[in-house]
Amino acid sequence: MIVDEVAIAHIGTGMISEELVQQCELILGYRFQDHGLLKAALTHASIADDRLHSNERLEFLGDAVLGLVVCHRLFEIYPEDMEGELTKLKSAVVSRNTCAAVSNAIGLTELMFVGKGMEQRGDRPSSIAAGVFEAIIAAMYLDGGFDVARDFIVRHMEPWIEQYASTEHQENYKSALQQYAQKNLSGTPMYELLDEKGPDHSKCFEIRVVIGARAFTSAWGAAKKQAEQRAAQRALEELGLMETTAPGIPSP
């Protein structure tokens, strides 16, 4: 793997401590071959002797890797969504606020090398927390390859994808179906898990709605809640309460 040795060489002559390396690698779930890359990713411009030798170059690369991985994941798990919907969701997932929230939650922000006056985490703006998250992604990509970076991104961004999808992206089909079923069918929709596929970090679920003795067409989703929403949508379509949007949700 080719590393930007010029930038790393000017960060400082001090070696990154073994304790810090272990702490960071524990957080990331990855062991670096090149500790210089790790130190570069954790070095803020406020302490670097030159902005060129801070984590800003890695931040630039990490932003691109993050965007690619999130776009690919959205393309996989939302097969019915058009470009505009996917773009809106992607923007929310890769936003500064989301990246900063992840960085703070896993304790990455606290491990940064920062200049005087920024030692306390409370003094660090979200842009710094987001920046170190993106820089770490780039460092993992350069050190271990694309799959390493992808696994890290998916592990930490999948819950945010699901959250934004449920609150900003999808209609609440479950609520609409429940109201209709209780009023007109004298029953409550039940959601049956039929199947699940994929590794733990990228699992998909097949769920169908059952109301009384009637079972409706099943649907797949990247999370159980997402699959339930899609299954409820299928039921609404089969009940003639909304226009059919597609012939069906394909299995993974």
Protein backbone atom coordinates (compact mmCIF):
# COMPACT_ATOMS: atom_id res chain seq x y z
CA MET A 1 0.00 0.00 0.00
CA ILE A 2 1.39 3.43 -1.01
CA VAL A 3 1.37 5.94 1.86
CA ASP A 4 1.76 9.73 1.73
CA GLU A 5 5.15 9.64 3.45
CA VAL A 6 5.89 13.35 2.93
CA ALA A 7 2.88 14.45 4.94
CA ILE A 8 3.40 11.88 7.69
CA ALA A 9 7.09 12.67 8.10
CA HIS A 10 6.42 16.29 9.08
CA ILE A 11 3.81 15.68 11.75
CA GLY A 12 6.39 15.41 14.46
CA THR A 13 9.29 13.31 15.55
CA GLY A 14 7.55 11.91 18.62
CA MET A 15 6.34 8.31 18.41
CA ILE A 16 2.73 7.54 19.12
CA SER A 17 2.49 5.70 22.43
CA GLU A 18 1.70 2.02 22.50
CA GLU A 19 -1.10 2.71 24.99
CA LEU A 20 -2.78 5.16 22.62
CA VAL A 21 -2.35 2.76 19.71
CA GLN A 22 -4.02 -0.03 21.65
CA GLN A 23 -6.83 2.23 22.84
CA CYS A 24 -7.55 3.49 19.34
CA GLU A 25 -7.33 0.06 17.74
CA LEU A 26 -9.74 -1.30 20.34
CA ILE A 27 -12.23 1.44 19.46
CA LEU A 28 -11.83 0.87 15.73
CA GLY A 29 -11.72 -2.92 15.82
CA TYR A 30 -8.69 -2.84 13.55
CA ARG A 31 -4.92 -3.24 14.06
CA PHE A 32 -2.77 -0.83 12.05
CA GLN A 33 0.35 -1.95 10.27
CA ASP A 34 1.54 1.66 9.91
CA HIS A 35 1.20 3.63 13.14
CA GLY A 36 2.29 6.74 11.27
CA LEU A 37 -1.01 6.70 9.42
CA LEU A 38 -2.89 6.43 12.68
CA LYS A 39 -1.00 9.37 14.16
CA ALA A 40 -1.59 11.43 11.03
CA ALA A 41 -5.33 10.79 11.23
CA LEU A 42 -5.42 11.93 14.86
CA THR A 43 -3.39 15.12 14.34
CA HIS A 44 -5.43 18.32 14.13
CA ALA A 45 -4.16 21.37 12.26
CA SER A 46 -3.98 23.33 15.52
CA ILE A 47 -0.94 21.31 16.62
CA ALA A 48 0.69 20.43 13.28
CA ASP A 49 3.67 22.52 12.17
CA ASP A 50 1.93 22.98 8.81
CA ARG A 51 -1.66 22.39 7.72
CA LEU A 52 -0.30 20.09 5.05
CA HIS A 53 0.93 17.83 7.85
CA SER A 54 -2.38 17.67 9.74
CA ASN A 55 -5.18 15.17 9.19
CA GLU A 56 -6.87 17.38 6.59
CA ARG A 57 -5.54 15.49 3.57
CA LEU A 58 -6.74 12.22 5.06
CA GLU A 59 -10.06 13.87 5.87
CA PHE A 60 -10.44 14.74 2.17
CA LEU A 61 -9.86 11.14 1.12
CA GLY A 62 -11.99 9.68 3.91
CA ASP A 63 -14.95 11.85 2.91
CA ALA A 64 -14.86 10.30 -0.57
CA VAL A 65 -14.58 6.72 0.74
CA LEU A 66 -17.42 7.34 3.20
CA GLY A 67 -19.64 8.73 0.46
CA LEU A 68 -18.98 5.78 -1.84
CA VAL A 69 -19.69 3.16 0.82
CA VAL A 70 -22.89 4.84 2.00
CA CYS A 71 -24.13 5.32 -1.56
CA HIS A 72 -23.45 1.66 -2.36
CA ARG A 73 -25.23 0.51 0.79
CA LEU A 74 -28.27 2.69 0.08
CA PHE A 75 -28.36 1.38 -3.49
CA GLU A 76 -28.41 -2.17 -2.10
CA ILE A 77 -31.06 -1.82 0.60
CA TYR A 78 -33.47 0.59 -1.12
CA PRO A 79 -34.04 -1.02 -4.53
CA GLU A 80 -37.23 0.95 -5.18
CA ASP A 81 -35.95 4.44 -4.41
CA MET A 82 -35.08 6.91 -7.13
CA GLU A 83 -31.93 9.06 -7.27
CA GLY A 84 -33.51 12.04 -5.52
CA GLU A 85 -34.64 10.02 -2.51
CA LEU A 86 -31.30 8.27 -2.21
CA THR A 87 -29.44 11.57 -2.45
CA LYS A 88 -31.50 13.08 0.36
CA LEU A 89 -30.89 10.11 2.61
CA LYS A 90 -27.18 9.95 1.78
CA SER A 91 -26.77 13.65 2.63
CA ALA A 92 -28.23 13.09 6.08
CA VAL A 93 -26.14 9.99 6.79
CA VAL A 94 -22.76 11.49 5.80
CA SER A 95 -23.44 14.93 7.29
CA ARG A 96 -20.98 16.60 9.65
CA ASN A 97 -23.41 16.19 12.53
CA THR A 98 -23.76 12.44 11.99
CA CYS A 99 -20.01 11.88 11.59
CA ALA A 100 -19.35 13.93 14.71
CA ALA A 101 -21.96 11.98 16.67
CA VAL A 102 -20.30 8.68 15.73
CA SER A 103 -16.83 9.99 16.53
CA ASN A 104 -17.94 11.24 19.95
CA ALA A 105 -19.95 8.11 20.72
CA ILE A 106 -17.07 5.70 20.14
CA GLY A 107 -14.54 7.91 21.95
CA LEU A 108 -12.47 8.79 18.89
CA THR A 109 -12.62 12.56 19.38
CA GLU A 110 -10.94 12.34 22.76
CA LEU A 111 -7.85 10.66 21.26
CA MET A 112 -6.96 13.54 18.95
CA PHE A 113 -3.72 15.53 19.11
CA VAL A 114 -4.88 19.14 19.39
CA GLY A 115 -3.29 22.50 20.10
CA LYS A 116 -3.33 24.49 23.31
CA GLY A 117 -6.78 25.66 24.33
CA MET A 118 -8.55 22.67 22.76
CA GLU A 119 -7.57 20.00 25.25
CA GLN A 120 -11.06 19.61 26.65
CA ARG A 121 -13.53 17.69 24.51
CA GLY A 122 -16.24 20.26 25.24
CA ASP A 123 -14.16 22.91 23.47
CA ARG A 124 -13.97 20.94 20.23
CA PRO A 125 -16.57 21.80 17.60
CA SER A 126 -18.42 19.14 15.66
CA SER A 127 -16.33 19.87 12.58
CA ILE A 128 -13.23 18.55 14.38
CA ALA A 129 -15.00 15.41 15.56
CA ALA A 130 -16.36 14.77 12.06
CA GLY A 131 -12.95 15.43 10.54
CA VAL A 132 -11.14 12.86 12.64
CA PHE A 133 -13.80 10.28 11.79
CA GLU A 134 -13.25 10.84 8.07
CA ALA A 135 -9.47 10.90 8.51
CA ILE A 136 -9.55 7.57 10.32
CA ILE A 137 -11.59 6.08 7.50
CA ALA A 138 -8.89 7.16 5.05
CA ALA A 139 -6.12 5.81 7.28
CA MET A 140 -7.85 2.43 7.51
CA TYR A 141 -8.38 2.44 3.74
CA LEU A 142 -4.69 3.15 3.05
CA ASP A 143 -3.46 0.72 5.67
CA GLY A 144 -5.82 -2.21 5.17
CA GLY A 145 -7.69 -1.68 1.92
CA PHE A 146 -11.23 -0.90 0.89
CA ASP A 147 -12.94 -3.83 2.62
CA VAL A 148 -11.50 -2.81 5.99
CA ALA A 149 -12.79 0.73 5.59
CA ARG A 150 -16.13 -0.48 4.29
CA ASP A 151 -16.73 -2.81 7.25
CA PHE A 152 -15.94 0.00 9.69
CA ILE A 153 -18.26 2.44 7.93
CA VAL A 154 -21.16 0.01 7.60
CA ARG A 155 -20.85 -1.05 11.24
CA HIS A 156 -21.19 2.50 12.50
CA MET A 157 -23.42 4.06 9.83
CA GLU A 158 -26.04 1.33 9.40
CA PRO A 159 -27.98 2.38 12.54
CA TRP A 160 -28.04 5.97 11.25
CA ILE A 161 -29.27 4.82 7.85
CA GLU A 162 -32.13 2.98 9.54
CA GLN A 163 -32.91 5.95 11.78
CA TYR A 164 -33.01 8.51 9.00
CA ALA A 165 -34.97 6.13 6.78
CA SER A 166 -37.66 5.63 9.42
CA THR A 167 -37.97 9.27 10.48
CA GLU A 168 -37.33 11.22 7.27
CA HIS A 169 -37.50 8.81 4.38
CA GLN A 170 -40.40 6.44 4.75
CA GLU A 171 -44.09 6.93 5.38
CA ASN A 172 -45.50 5.17 8.42
CA TYR A 173 -47.30 2.39 6.60
CA LYS A 174 -47.60 0.32 9.78
CA SER A 175 -49.63 3.00 11.52
CA ALA A 176 -51.93 3.45 8.54
CA LEU A 177 -52.49 -0.30 8.22
CA GLN A 178 -53.21 -0.72 11.92
CA GLN A 179 -55.81 2.04 11.93
CA TYR A 180 -57.56 0.56 8.90
CA ALA A 181 -57.43 -3.03 10.17
CA GLN A 182 -58.84 -2.22 13.58
CA LYS A 183 -61.64 -0.13 12.12
CA ASN A 184 -62.60 -2.25 9.11
CA LEU A 185 -61.22 -5.76 9.59
CA SER A 186 -61.77 -6.20 13.33
CA GLY A 187 -58.19 -7.29 13.74
CA THR A 188 -54.67 -6.13 14.47
CA PRO A 189 -51.82 -6.66 11.97
CA MET A 190 -49.24 -9.22 13.08
CA TYR A 191 -45.73 -9.25 11.63
CA GLU A 192 -44.14 -12.64 10.99
CA LEU A 193 -40.42 -13.10 10.42
CA LEU A 194 -40.04 -15.60 7.57
CA ASP A 195 -36.34 -15.52 6.81
CA GLU A 196 -33.07 -13.67 7.37
CA LYS A 197 -29.89 -13.67 5.32
CA GLY A 198 -26.40 -12.19 5.34
CA PRO A 199 -23.58 -11.57 7.84
CA ASP A 200 -24.27 -9.82 11.15
CA HIS A 201 -23.10 -6.41 9.89
CA SER A 202 -25.27 -6.60 6.76
CA LYS A 203 -28.26 -8.80 7.58
CA CYS A 204 -31.57 -8.64 5.70
CA PHE A 205 -34.98 -9.78 6.95
CA GLU A 206 -38.13 -11.10 5.24
CA ILE A 207 -41.40 -10.27 7.00
CA ARG A 208 -45.06 -10.57 6.10
CA VAL A 209 -48.24 -9.13 7.55
CA VAL A 210 -51.02 -11.39 8.80
CA ILE A 211 -54.46 -10.03 9.68
CA GLY A 212 -56.80 -12.70 10.97
CA ALA A 213 -56.62 -15.61 8.55
CA ARG A 214 -55.20 -13.56 5.67
CA ALA A 215 -51.47 -13.41 4.96
CA PHE A 216 -50.11 -10.72 2.65
CA THR A 217 -47.08 -10.63 0.36
CA SER A 218 -43.80 -10.57 2.25
CA ALA A 219 -41.08 -7.92 1.91
CA TRP A 220 -37.36 -7.69 2.61
CA GLY A 221 -35.51 -4.98 4.53
CA ALA A 222 -32.06 -4.25 5.94
CA ALA A 223 -33.62 -4.03 9.41
CA LYS A 224 -36.70 -5.62 10.93
CA LYS A 225 -38.45 -2.26 11.25
CA GLN A 226 -37.74 -1.47 7.63
CA ALA A 227 -39.04 -4.88 6.50
CA GLU A 228 -42.17 -4.37 8.60
CA GLN A 229 -42.81 -0.99 6.97
CA ARG A 230 -42.44 -2.51 3.52
CA ALA A 231 -44.64 -5.47 4.42
CA ALA A 232 -47.30 -3.05 5.68
CA GLN A 233 -47.02 -1.16 2.38
CA ARG A 234 -47.61 -4.42 0.50
CA ALA A 235 -50.71 -5.11 2.59
CA LEU A 236 -52.09 -1.64 1.94
CA GLU A 237 -51.55 -2.16 -1.78
CA GLU A 238 -53.27 -5.55 -1.77
CA LEU A 239 -56.18 -4.12 0.18
CA GLY A 240 -56.56 -1.51 -2.56
CA LEU A 241 -55.80 1.37 -0.20
CA MET A 242 -52.84 2.69 -2.17
CA GLU A 243 -51.46 2.39 -5.68
CA THR A 244 -49.01 -0.44 -6.28
CA THR A 245 -45.50 1.01 -6.57
CA ALA A 246 -43.68 -2.12 -7.73
CA PRO A 247 -44.32 -5.80 -8.43
CA GLY A 248 -42.55 -6.76 -5.24
CA ILE A 249 -39.50 -6.36 -3.03
CA PRO A 250 -36.77 -8.63 -4.34
CA SER A 251 -34.97 -10.95 -1.96
CA PRO A 252 -31.28 -10.22 -1.24
